[in-house]
Amino acid sequence: MSKIYVMDIARYNQGQLRGTWLSLTSDVTPKKLRTQIKHFLSETQAEEWTIEDREGLAGYDGSDLSQICAIVNAIEQYGEEEIKGFLIEFGEDADLSEFNDRYLGLYGSVENYCQEAVQLPDEILNTGFFDGRLEFYIDWESIAEDAQVNWISCYKTKEGYHIYSKRG
């Protein structure tokens, strides 16, 4: 579950720690967040606030309420590791509406992605010449290195490599 810790700046400046955790559900909007924050601040007539901590936001460290909401919704739809990799590769202010166009999938290795991405014609594969050992003829490691330089970004997790297109 995603949540943010909102802190009262005026109380903090007076040497007191006053804040609250706000849970972020998939229906969160910037307007709803602002309403929750105003309600929290109204208890002491405070006006200034900051987001001091975050959990379940794919490593996002910013305070933009619109981006926080977009991240929560994207995590709900695609998963936290997928969104974390996207934000690492394209920046915390990345446009999450581009995720579908850029995310290419989860693979055991970058070489596995390249092998799947390079579709060799059946007339080459079915000649019997390769005898099912195409890896002896193609340097997939070099192709993967070139792909990372020119076309793709990778985020490694314990599950494998999340692959993203550098071209939107």
N, C-alpha and C. Protein backbone atom coordinates (compact mmCIF):
# COMPACT_ATOMS: atom_id res chain seq x y z
N MET A 1 0.84 -1.19 0.00
CA MET A 1 0.00 0.00 0.00
C MET A 1 0.88 1.25 0.00
N SER A 2 0.53 2.18 -0.83
CA SER A 2 1.27 3.45 -0.93
C SER A 2 0.75 4.42 0.13
N LYS A 3 1.68 5.19 0.68
CA LYS A 3 1.27 6.23 1.63
C LYS A 3 2.35 7.30 1.72
N ILE A 4 1.93 8.47 2.19
CA ILE A 4 2.85 9.59 2.39
C ILE A 4 2.70 10.11 3.81
N TYR A 5 3.80 10.63 4.35
CA TYR A 5 3.77 11.25 5.67
C TYR A 5 3.80 12.75 5.48
N VAL A 6 2.71 13.41 5.83
CA VAL A 6 2.59 14.86 5.70
C VAL A 6 2.90 15.48 7.07
N MET A 7 3.77 16.48 7.06
CA MET A 7 4.21 17.10 8.30
C MET A 7 3.85 18.59 8.33
N ASP A 8 3.47 19.04 9.50
CA ASP A 8 3.15 20.44 9.77
C ASP A 8 4.47 21.19 9.96
N ILE A 9 4.79 22.08 9.03
CA ILE A 9 6.07 22.80 9.07
C ILE A 9 6.14 23.78 10.24
N ALA A 10 5.04 24.46 10.54
CA ALA A 10 5.05 25.43 11.64
C ALA A 10 5.39 24.74 12.96
N ARG A 11 4.77 23.61 13.22
CA ARG A 11 5.07 22.87 14.46
C ARG A 11 6.52 22.36 14.46
N TYR A 12 6.99 21.93 13.31
CA TYR A 12 8.37 21.46 13.21
C TYR A 12 9.34 22.58 13.56
N ASN A 13 9.05 23.78 13.07
CA ASN A 13 9.91 24.94 13.36
C ASN A 13 9.87 25.33 14.83
N GLN A 14 8.81 24.92 15.54
CA GLN A 14 8.70 25.17 16.98
C GLN A 14 9.30 24.03 17.80
N GLY A 15 9.89 23.05 17.10
CA GLY A 15 10.53 21.94 17.80
C GLY A 15 9.61 20.76 18.08
N GLN A 16 8.44 20.75 17.46
CA GLN A 16 7.50 19.65 17.67
C GLN A 16 7.32 18.88 16.38
N LEU A 17 7.23 17.58 16.51
CA LEU A 17 6.99 16.74 15.34
C LEU A 17 5.51 16.40 15.29
N ARG A 18 4.84 16.94 14.29
CA ARG A 18 3.41 16.68 14.12
C ARG A 18 3.16 16.35 12.66
N GLY A 19 2.64 15.19 12.44
CA GLY A 19 2.36 14.77 11.08
C GLY A 19 1.38 13.61 11.06
N THR A 20 1.05 13.18 9.87
CA THR A 20 0.13 12.05 9.72
C THR A 20 0.45 11.29 8.45
N TRP A 21 0.22 9.99 8.50
CA TRP A 21 0.35 9.15 7.30
C TRP A 21 -0.97 9.17 6.56
N LEU A 22 -0.92 9.42 5.27
CA LEU A 22 -2.10 9.37 4.42
C LEU A 22 -1.99 8.17 3.49
N SER A 23 -2.96 7.27 3.57
CA SER A 23 -2.98 6.11 2.68
C SER A 23 -3.45 6.54 1.31
N LEU A 24 -2.82 5.98 0.29
CA LEU A 24 -3.13 6.35 -1.09
C LEU A 24 -3.73 5.14 -1.80
N THR A 25 -4.98 5.26 -2.17
CA THR A 25 -5.67 4.18 -2.86
C THR A 25 -5.71 4.48 -4.35
N SER A 26 -6.15 3.51 -5.12
CA SER A 26 -6.13 3.67 -6.58
C SER A 26 -7.05 4.78 -7.09
N ASP A 27 -7.99 5.24 -6.27
CA ASP A 27 -8.88 6.32 -6.71
C ASP A 27 -8.39 7.70 -6.26
N VAL A 28 -7.14 7.77 -5.81
CA VAL A 28 -6.59 9.03 -5.31
C VAL A 28 -6.47 10.05 -6.44
N THR A 29 -6.75 11.30 -6.10
CA THR A 29 -6.58 12.42 -7.03
C THR A 29 -5.86 13.54 -6.26
N PRO A 30 -5.25 14.47 -6.98
CA PRO A 30 -4.61 15.59 -6.29
C PRO A 30 -5.62 16.37 -5.42
N LYS A 31 -6.84 16.52 -5.91
CA LYS A 31 -7.87 17.24 -5.16
C LYS A 31 -8.19 16.52 -3.84
N LYS A 32 -8.33 15.20 -3.90
CA LYS A 32 -8.60 14.43 -2.68
C LYS A 32 -7.44 14.53 -1.70
N LEU A 33 -6.22 14.48 -2.22
CA LEU A 33 -5.05 14.61 -1.35
C LEU A 33 -5.00 15.98 -0.67
N ARG A 34 -5.25 17.03 -1.45
CA ARG A 34 -5.25 18.38 -0.88
C ARG A 34 -6.32 18.51 0.22
N THR A 35 -7.47 17.89 0.00
CA THR A 35 -8.54 17.92 0.99
C THR A 35 -8.10 17.22 2.27
N GLN A 36 -7.46 16.06 2.15
CA GLN A 36 -6.97 15.34 3.33
C GLN A 36 -5.91 16.16 4.07
N ILE A 37 -5.03 16.80 3.33
CA ILE A 37 -3.98 17.61 3.94
C ILE A 37 -4.59 18.82 4.65
N LYS A 38 -5.55 19.49 4.00
CA LYS A 38 -6.21 20.64 4.63
C LYS A 38 -6.93 20.23 5.91
N HIS A 39 -7.56 19.06 5.89
CA HIS A 39 -8.24 18.57 7.09
C HIS A 39 -7.23 18.35 8.22
N PHE A 40 -6.11 17.74 7.92
CA PHE A 40 -5.06 17.52 8.91
C PHE A 40 -4.57 18.86 9.47
N LEU A 41 -4.33 19.83 8.61
CA LEU A 41 -3.79 21.12 9.05
C LEU A 41 -4.82 21.95 9.80
N SER A 42 -6.12 21.76 9.52
CA SER A 42 -7.17 22.56 10.16
C SER A 42 -7.25 22.33 11.66
N GLU A 43 -6.76 21.20 12.13
CA GLU A 43 -6.79 20.90 13.57
C GLU A 43 -5.97 21.90 14.38
N THR A 44 -4.96 22.51 13.76
CA THR A 44 -4.12 23.48 14.47
C THR A 44 -4.03 24.80 13.72
N GLN A 45 -4.88 25.02 12.74
CA GLN A 45 -4.87 26.21 11.90
C GLN A 45 -3.52 26.42 11.21
N ALA A 46 -2.82 25.36 10.94
CA ALA A 46 -1.54 25.46 10.24
C ALA A 46 -1.80 25.65 8.74
N GLU A 47 -0.82 26.22 8.07
CA GLU A 47 -0.96 26.45 6.62
C GLU A 47 0.13 25.77 5.81
N GLU A 48 1.32 25.63 6.39
CA GLU A 48 2.45 25.08 5.64
C GLU A 48 2.64 23.60 5.97
N TRP A 49 2.96 22.85 4.94
CA TRP A 49 3.16 21.41 5.11
C TRP A 49 4.23 20.93 4.14
N THR A 50 4.73 19.76 4.41
CA THR A 50 5.67 19.12 3.51
C THR A 50 5.45 17.61 3.58
N ILE A 51 5.84 16.93 2.52
CA ILE A 51 5.82 15.47 2.53
C ILE A 51 7.20 15.03 3.00
N GLU A 52 7.24 14.44 4.17
CA GLU A 52 8.50 14.10 4.80
C GLU A 52 8.94 12.66 4.53
N ASP A 53 7.99 11.78 4.22
CA ASP A 53 8.33 10.39 3.97
C ASP A 53 7.31 9.78 3.01
N ARG A 54 7.73 8.70 2.36
CA ARG A 54 6.87 8.02 1.38
C ARG A 54 7.11 6.52 1.49
N GLU A 55 6.07 5.75 1.28
CA GLU A 55 6.19 4.30 1.21
C GLU A 55 5.37 3.80 0.03
N GLY A 56 5.91 2.80 -0.66
CA GLY A 56 5.16 2.17 -1.75
C GLY A 56 4.96 3.05 -2.96
N LEU A 57 5.91 3.97 -3.21
CA LEU A 57 5.80 4.87 -4.36
C LEU A 57 6.93 4.64 -5.36
N ALA A 58 7.40 3.42 -5.44
CA ALA A 58 8.39 3.03 -6.46
C ALA A 58 9.66 3.89 -6.40
N GLY A 59 10.04 4.28 -5.18
CA GLY A 59 11.27 5.06 -5.03
C GLY A 59 11.11 6.55 -5.30
N TYR A 60 9.91 6.99 -5.63
CA TYR A 60 9.67 8.42 -5.90
C TYR A 60 9.94 9.23 -4.64
N ASP A 61 10.68 10.33 -4.79
CA ASP A 61 11.07 11.13 -3.64
C ASP A 61 10.55 12.56 -3.73
N GLY A 62 9.69 12.84 -4.67
CA GLY A 62 9.19 14.19 -4.88
C GLY A 62 7.94 14.49 -4.07
N SER A 63 7.42 15.69 -4.28
CA SER A 63 6.23 16.14 -3.55
C SER A 63 5.11 16.60 -4.48
N ASP A 64 5.24 16.37 -5.76
CA ASP A 64 4.22 16.76 -6.73
C ASP A 64 3.01 15.85 -6.57
N LEU A 65 1.90 16.42 -6.10
CA LEU A 65 0.71 15.61 -5.82
C LEU A 65 0.16 14.93 -7.08
N SER A 66 0.23 15.61 -8.21
CA SER A 66 -0.24 14.99 -9.46
C SER A 66 0.61 13.79 -9.83
N GLN A 67 1.92 13.91 -9.68
CA GLN A 67 2.80 12.79 -10.00
C GLN A 67 2.63 11.65 -9.00
N ILE A 68 2.43 11.98 -7.74
CA ILE A 68 2.18 10.95 -6.72
C ILE A 68 0.93 10.15 -7.10
N CYS A 69 -0.12 10.84 -7.47
CA CYS A 69 -1.36 10.16 -7.86
C CYS A 69 -1.16 9.30 -9.10
N ALA A 70 -0.43 9.83 -10.07
CA ALA A 70 -0.15 9.06 -11.30
C ALA A 70 0.65 7.81 -10.97
N ILE A 71 1.61 7.93 -10.06
CA ILE A 71 2.43 6.78 -9.67
C ILE A 71 1.58 5.73 -8.97
N VAL A 72 0.74 6.15 -8.05
CA VAL A 72 -0.13 5.20 -7.34
C VAL A 72 -1.00 4.44 -8.33
N ASN A 73 -1.59 5.15 -9.27
CA ASN A 73 -2.44 4.49 -10.27
C ASN A 73 -1.64 3.58 -11.20
N ALA A 74 -0.44 3.99 -11.58
CA ALA A 74 0.40 3.16 -12.44
C ALA A 74 0.86 1.90 -11.71
N ILE A 75 1.21 2.03 -10.44
CA ILE A 75 1.60 0.86 -9.65
C ILE A 75 0.45 -0.13 -9.57
N GLU A 76 -0.73 0.38 -9.35
CA GLU A 76 -1.93 -0.47 -9.29
C GLU A 76 -2.12 -1.24 -10.60
N GLN A 77 -1.86 -0.57 -11.70
CA GLN A 77 -2.09 -1.17 -13.02
C GLN A 77 -0.94 -2.08 -13.47
N TYR A 78 0.31 -1.69 -13.21
CA TYR A 78 1.46 -2.39 -13.80
C TYR A 78 2.37 -3.09 -12.79
N GLY A 79 2.42 -2.62 -11.56
CA GLY A 79 3.31 -3.19 -10.55
C GLY A 79 4.39 -2.20 -10.14
N GLU A 80 4.82 -2.32 -8.89
CA GLU A 80 5.76 -1.33 -8.35
C GLU A 80 7.15 -1.44 -8.98
N GLU A 81 7.66 -2.63 -9.18
CA GLU A 81 9.01 -2.77 -9.76
C GLU A 81 9.07 -2.23 -11.19
N GLU A 82 8.02 -2.46 -11.96
CA GLU A 82 7.96 -1.97 -13.33
C GLU A 82 8.00 -0.44 -13.36
N ILE A 83 7.23 0.18 -12.46
CA ILE A 83 7.18 1.65 -12.40
C ILE A 83 8.48 2.20 -11.80
N LYS A 84 9.04 1.52 -10.83
CA LYS A 84 10.31 1.96 -10.25
C LYS A 84 11.39 2.01 -11.32
N GLY A 85 11.50 0.97 -12.12
CA GLY A 85 12.47 0.97 -13.20
C GLY A 85 12.23 2.09 -14.19
N PHE A 86 10.98 2.34 -14.51
CA PHE A 86 10.61 3.41 -15.44
C PHE A 86 11.07 4.77 -14.90
N LEU A 87 10.80 5.02 -13.62
CA LEU A 87 11.18 6.29 -13.01
C LEU A 87 12.70 6.44 -12.90
N ILE A 88 13.39 5.33 -12.63
CA ILE A 88 14.85 5.38 -12.57
C ILE A 88 15.43 5.69 -13.95
N GLU A 89 14.90 5.04 -14.96
CA GLU A 89 15.43 5.21 -16.32
C GLU A 89 15.07 6.55 -16.95
N PHE A 90 13.88 7.07 -16.66
CA PHE A 90 13.41 8.27 -17.35
C PHE A 90 13.21 9.48 -16.44
N GLY A 91 13.49 9.34 -15.15
CA GLY A 91 13.40 10.47 -14.23
C GLY A 91 12.10 10.48 -13.45
N GLU A 92 12.16 11.07 -12.26
CA GLU A 92 10.99 11.12 -11.39
C GLU A 92 9.82 11.89 -11.98
N ASP A 93 10.10 12.80 -12.89
CA ASP A 93 9.03 13.58 -13.51
C ASP A 93 8.59 12.98 -14.85
N ALA A 94 8.97 11.73 -15.09
CA ALA A 94 8.61 11.07 -16.35
C ALA A 94 7.09 11.02 -16.52
N ASP A 95 6.67 11.12 -17.76
CA ASP A 95 5.25 11.06 -18.09
C ASP A 95 4.81 9.60 -18.08
N LEU A 96 4.06 9.22 -17.05
CA LEU A 96 3.66 7.82 -16.89
C LEU A 96 2.68 7.35 -17.96
N SER A 97 2.10 8.28 -18.70
CA SER A 97 1.22 7.87 -19.80
C SER A 97 2.03 7.22 -20.93
N GLU A 98 3.35 7.39 -20.92
CA GLU A 98 4.22 6.78 -21.92
C GLU A 98 4.64 5.35 -21.54
N PHE A 99 4.27 4.90 -20.36
CA PHE A 99 4.72 3.60 -19.89
C PHE A 99 4.39 2.48 -20.88
N ASN A 100 3.16 2.42 -21.34
CA ASN A 100 2.75 1.34 -22.27
C ASN A 100 3.60 1.33 -23.54
N ASP A 101 3.96 2.49 -24.04
CA ASP A 101 4.76 2.57 -25.26
C ASP A 101 6.22 2.21 -25.03
N ARG A 102 6.70 2.37 -23.81
CA ARG A 102 8.12 2.17 -23.54
C ARG A 102 8.45 0.82 -22.88
N TYR A 103 7.52 0.27 -22.12
CA TYR A 103 7.82 -0.97 -21.40
C TYR A 103 7.75 -2.16 -22.35
N LEU A 104 8.84 -2.89 -22.45
CA LEU A 104 8.93 -4.01 -23.38
C LEU A 104 8.79 -5.36 -22.70
N GLY A 105 8.90 -5.40 -21.38
CA GLY A 105 8.67 -6.65 -20.67
C GLY A 105 9.77 -7.01 -19.69
N LEU A 106 9.55 -8.14 -19.01
CA LEU A 106 10.49 -8.69 -18.05
C LEU A 106 11.16 -9.91 -18.68
N TYR A 107 12.48 -9.94 -18.66
CA TYR A 107 13.25 -11.02 -19.28
C TYR A 107 14.31 -11.52 -18.32
N GLY A 108 14.71 -12.75 -18.50
CA GLY A 108 15.76 -13.34 -17.68
C GLY A 108 17.11 -12.68 -17.89
N SER A 109 17.33 -12.13 -19.07
CA SER A 109 18.56 -11.42 -19.38
C SER A 109 18.29 -10.47 -20.55
N VAL A 110 19.20 -9.55 -20.76
CA VAL A 110 19.07 -8.64 -21.89
C VAL A 110 19.25 -9.43 -23.19
N GLU A 111 20.11 -10.44 -23.15
CA GLU A 111 20.31 -11.30 -24.31
C GLU A 111 19.00 -12.02 -24.69
N ASN A 112 18.26 -12.48 -23.67
CA ASN A 112 16.96 -13.12 -23.94
C ASN A 112 16.01 -12.17 -24.65
N TYR A 113 16.00 -10.91 -24.20
CA TYR A 113 15.15 -9.93 -24.87
C TYR A 113 15.57 -9.79 -26.33
N CYS A 114 16.86 -9.65 -26.58
CA CYS A 114 17.35 -9.45 -27.94
C CYS A 114 17.02 -10.65 -28.83
N GLN A 115 17.15 -11.85 -28.29
CA GLN A 115 16.82 -13.03 -29.07
C GLN A 115 15.35 -13.04 -29.46
N GLU A 116 14.49 -12.59 -28.54
CA GLU A 116 13.07 -12.54 -28.86
C GLU A 116 12.76 -11.39 -29.82
N ALA A 117 13.45 -10.27 -29.64
CA ALA A 117 13.18 -9.09 -30.46
C ALA A 117 13.64 -9.28 -31.91
N VAL A 118 14.73 -10.04 -32.10
CA VAL A 118 15.25 -10.27 -33.44
C VAL A 118 14.54 -11.50 -34.00
N GLN A 119 13.64 -11.28 -34.89
CA GLN A 119 12.88 -12.38 -35.50
C GLN A 119 13.54 -12.78 -36.81
N LEU A 120 14.23 -13.91 -36.79
CA LEU A 120 14.86 -14.39 -38.01
C LEU A 120 13.83 -15.12 -38.87
N PRO A 121 13.91 -14.96 -40.18
CA PRO A 121 12.95 -15.61 -41.07
C PRO A 121 13.01 -17.13 -40.96
N ASP A 122 11.85 -17.76 -41.09
CA ASP A 122 11.76 -19.23 -41.02
C ASP A 122 12.64 -19.91 -42.06
N GLU A 123 12.80 -19.30 -43.23
CA GLU A 123 13.62 -19.95 -44.27
C GLU A 123 15.08 -20.07 -43.85
N ILE A 124 15.52 -19.20 -42.94
CA ILE A 124 16.89 -19.32 -42.42
C ILE A 124 16.93 -20.35 -41.29
N LEU A 125 15.96 -20.26 -40.40
CA LEU A 125 15.96 -21.15 -39.24
C LEU A 125 15.69 -22.61 -39.61
N ASN A 126 14.90 -22.85 -40.63
CA ASN A 126 14.48 -24.21 -40.98
C ASN A 126 15.35 -24.88 -42.05
N THR A 127 16.53 -24.37 -42.30
CA THR A 127 17.38 -24.97 -43.32
C THR A 127 18.08 -26.22 -42.82
N GLY A 128 18.11 -26.40 -41.49
CA GLY A 128 18.84 -27.53 -40.93
C GLY A 128 20.30 -27.20 -40.70
N PHE A 129 20.76 -26.12 -41.30
CA PHE A 129 22.16 -25.74 -41.17
C PHE A 129 22.53 -25.43 -39.72
N PHE A 130 21.64 -24.72 -39.02
CA PHE A 130 21.95 -24.30 -37.65
C PHE A 130 21.75 -25.43 -36.65
N ASP A 131 20.95 -26.41 -36.99
CA ASP A 131 20.72 -27.58 -36.14
C ASP A 131 20.33 -27.18 -34.71
N GLY A 132 19.50 -26.12 -34.60
CA GLY A 132 19.03 -25.70 -33.29
C GLY A 132 20.08 -25.04 -32.42
N ARG A 133 21.22 -24.67 -32.97
CA ARG A 133 22.31 -24.08 -32.18
C ARG A 133 22.68 -22.70 -32.71
N LEU A 134 21.70 -21.89 -32.84
CA LEU A 134 21.91 -20.55 -33.37
C LEU A 134 22.85 -19.72 -32.48
N GLU A 135 22.88 -20.02 -31.18
CA GLU A 135 23.74 -19.26 -30.27
C GLU A 135 25.22 -19.36 -30.62
N PHE A 136 25.61 -20.39 -31.37
CA PHE A 136 27.01 -20.51 -31.79
C PHE A 136 27.34 -19.57 -32.95
N TYR A 137 26.35 -19.05 -33.61
CA TYR A 137 26.56 -18.23 -34.80
C TYR A 137 26.31 -16.74 -34.56
N ILE A 138 25.54 -16.42 -33.53
CA ILE A 138 25.19 -15.03 -33.28
C ILE A 138 25.70 -14.64 -31.89
N ASP A 139 26.39 -13.50 -31.80
CA ASP A 139 26.93 -13.01 -30.54
C ASP A 139 25.85 -12.16 -29.85
N TRP A 140 24.97 -12.83 -29.11
CA TRP A 140 23.85 -12.14 -28.46
C TRP A 140 24.33 -11.17 -27.39
N GLU A 141 25.44 -11.45 -26.75
CA GLU A 141 25.97 -10.55 -25.72
C GLU A 141 26.34 -9.20 -26.34
N SER A 142 27.00 -9.22 -27.48
CA SER A 142 27.36 -7.97 -28.16
C SER A 142 26.13 -7.23 -28.66
N ILE A 143 25.16 -7.98 -29.16
CA ILE A 143 23.91 -7.35 -29.61
C ILE A 143 23.22 -6.68 -28.42
N ALA A 144 23.21 -7.36 -27.27
CA ALA A 144 22.59 -6.80 -26.07
C ALA A 144 23.30 -5.53 -25.62
N GLU A 145 24.63 -5.53 -25.68
CA GLU A 145 25.39 -4.34 -25.31
C GLU A 145 25.07 -3.17 -26.24
N ASP A 146 25.02 -3.42 -27.53
CA ASP A 146 24.67 -2.37 -28.49
C ASP A 146 23.25 -1.87 -28.25
N ALA A 147 22.34 -2.78 -27.98
CA ALA A 147 20.95 -2.40 -27.74
C ALA A 147 20.86 -1.46 -26.53
N GLN A 148 21.62 -1.76 -25.48
CA GLN A 148 21.58 -0.91 -24.28
C GLN A 148 22.17 0.47 -24.54
N VAL A 149 23.13 0.56 -25.42
CA VAL A 149 23.71 1.85 -25.75
C VAL A 149 22.74 2.67 -26.59
N ASN A 150 22.06 2.03 -27.53
CA ASN A 150 21.29 2.76 -28.53
C ASN A 150 19.77 2.75 -28.38
N TRP A 151 19.19 1.65 -27.92
CA TRP A 151 17.74 1.51 -28.04
C TRP A 151 16.98 1.21 -26.78
N ILE A 152 17.61 0.56 -25.81
CA ILE A 152 16.85 0.14 -24.64
C ILE A 152 17.53 0.55 -23.34
N SER A 153 16.72 0.61 -22.28
CA SER A 153 17.20 0.80 -20.91
C SER A 153 16.75 -0.42 -20.12
N CYS A 154 17.53 -0.78 -19.11
CA CYS A 154 17.23 -1.97 -18.32
C CYS A 154 17.25 -1.65 -16.84
N TYR A 155 16.33 -2.25 -16.13
CA TYR A 155 16.30 -2.16 -14.67
C TYR A 155 16.33 -3.58 -14.13
N LYS A 156 17.40 -3.93 -13.43
CA LYS A 156 17.59 -5.29 -12.94
C LYS A 156 16.94 -5.45 -11.57
N THR A 157 16.15 -6.52 -11.43
CA THR A 157 15.56 -6.90 -10.15
C THR A 157 15.88 -8.36 -9.91
N LYS A 158 15.47 -8.88 -8.77
CA LYS A 158 15.73 -10.30 -8.51
C LYS A 158 14.92 -11.20 -9.44
N GLU A 159 13.84 -10.68 -10.02
CA GLU A 159 13.04 -11.45 -10.97
C GLU A 159 13.65 -11.49 -12.37
N GLY A 160 14.49 -10.51 -12.69
CA GLY A 160 15.08 -10.43 -14.02
C GLY A 160 15.32 -8.99 -14.43
N TYR A 161 15.24 -8.74 -15.72
CA TYR A 161 15.50 -7.41 -16.28
C TYR A 161 14.21 -6.83 -16.85
N HIS A 162 13.84 -5.66 -16.34
CA HIS A 162 12.73 -4.92 -16.94
C HIS A 162 13.34 -4.09 -18.07
N ILE A 163 12.81 -4.26 -19.27
CA ILE A 163 13.36 -3.62 -20.46
C ILE A 163 12.42 -2.51 -20.92
N TYR A 164 13.00 -1.34 -21.22
CA TYR A 164 12.26 -0.16 -21.66
C TYR A 164 12.87 0.37 -22.94
N SER A 165 12.03 0.82 -23.84
CA SER A 165 12.50 1.45 -25.07
C SER A 165 12.94 2.88 -24.77
N LYS A 166 14.09 3.28 -25.30
CA LYS A 166 14.53 4.67 -25.14
C LYS A 166 13.76 5.59 -26.07
N ARG A 167 13.11 5.01 -27.05
CA ARG A 167 12.36 5.79 -28.04
C ARG A 167 10.88 5.67 -27.75
N GLY A 168 10.24 6.82 -27.55
CA GLY A 168 8.83 6.83 -27.19
C GLY A 168 7.90 6.58 -28.31
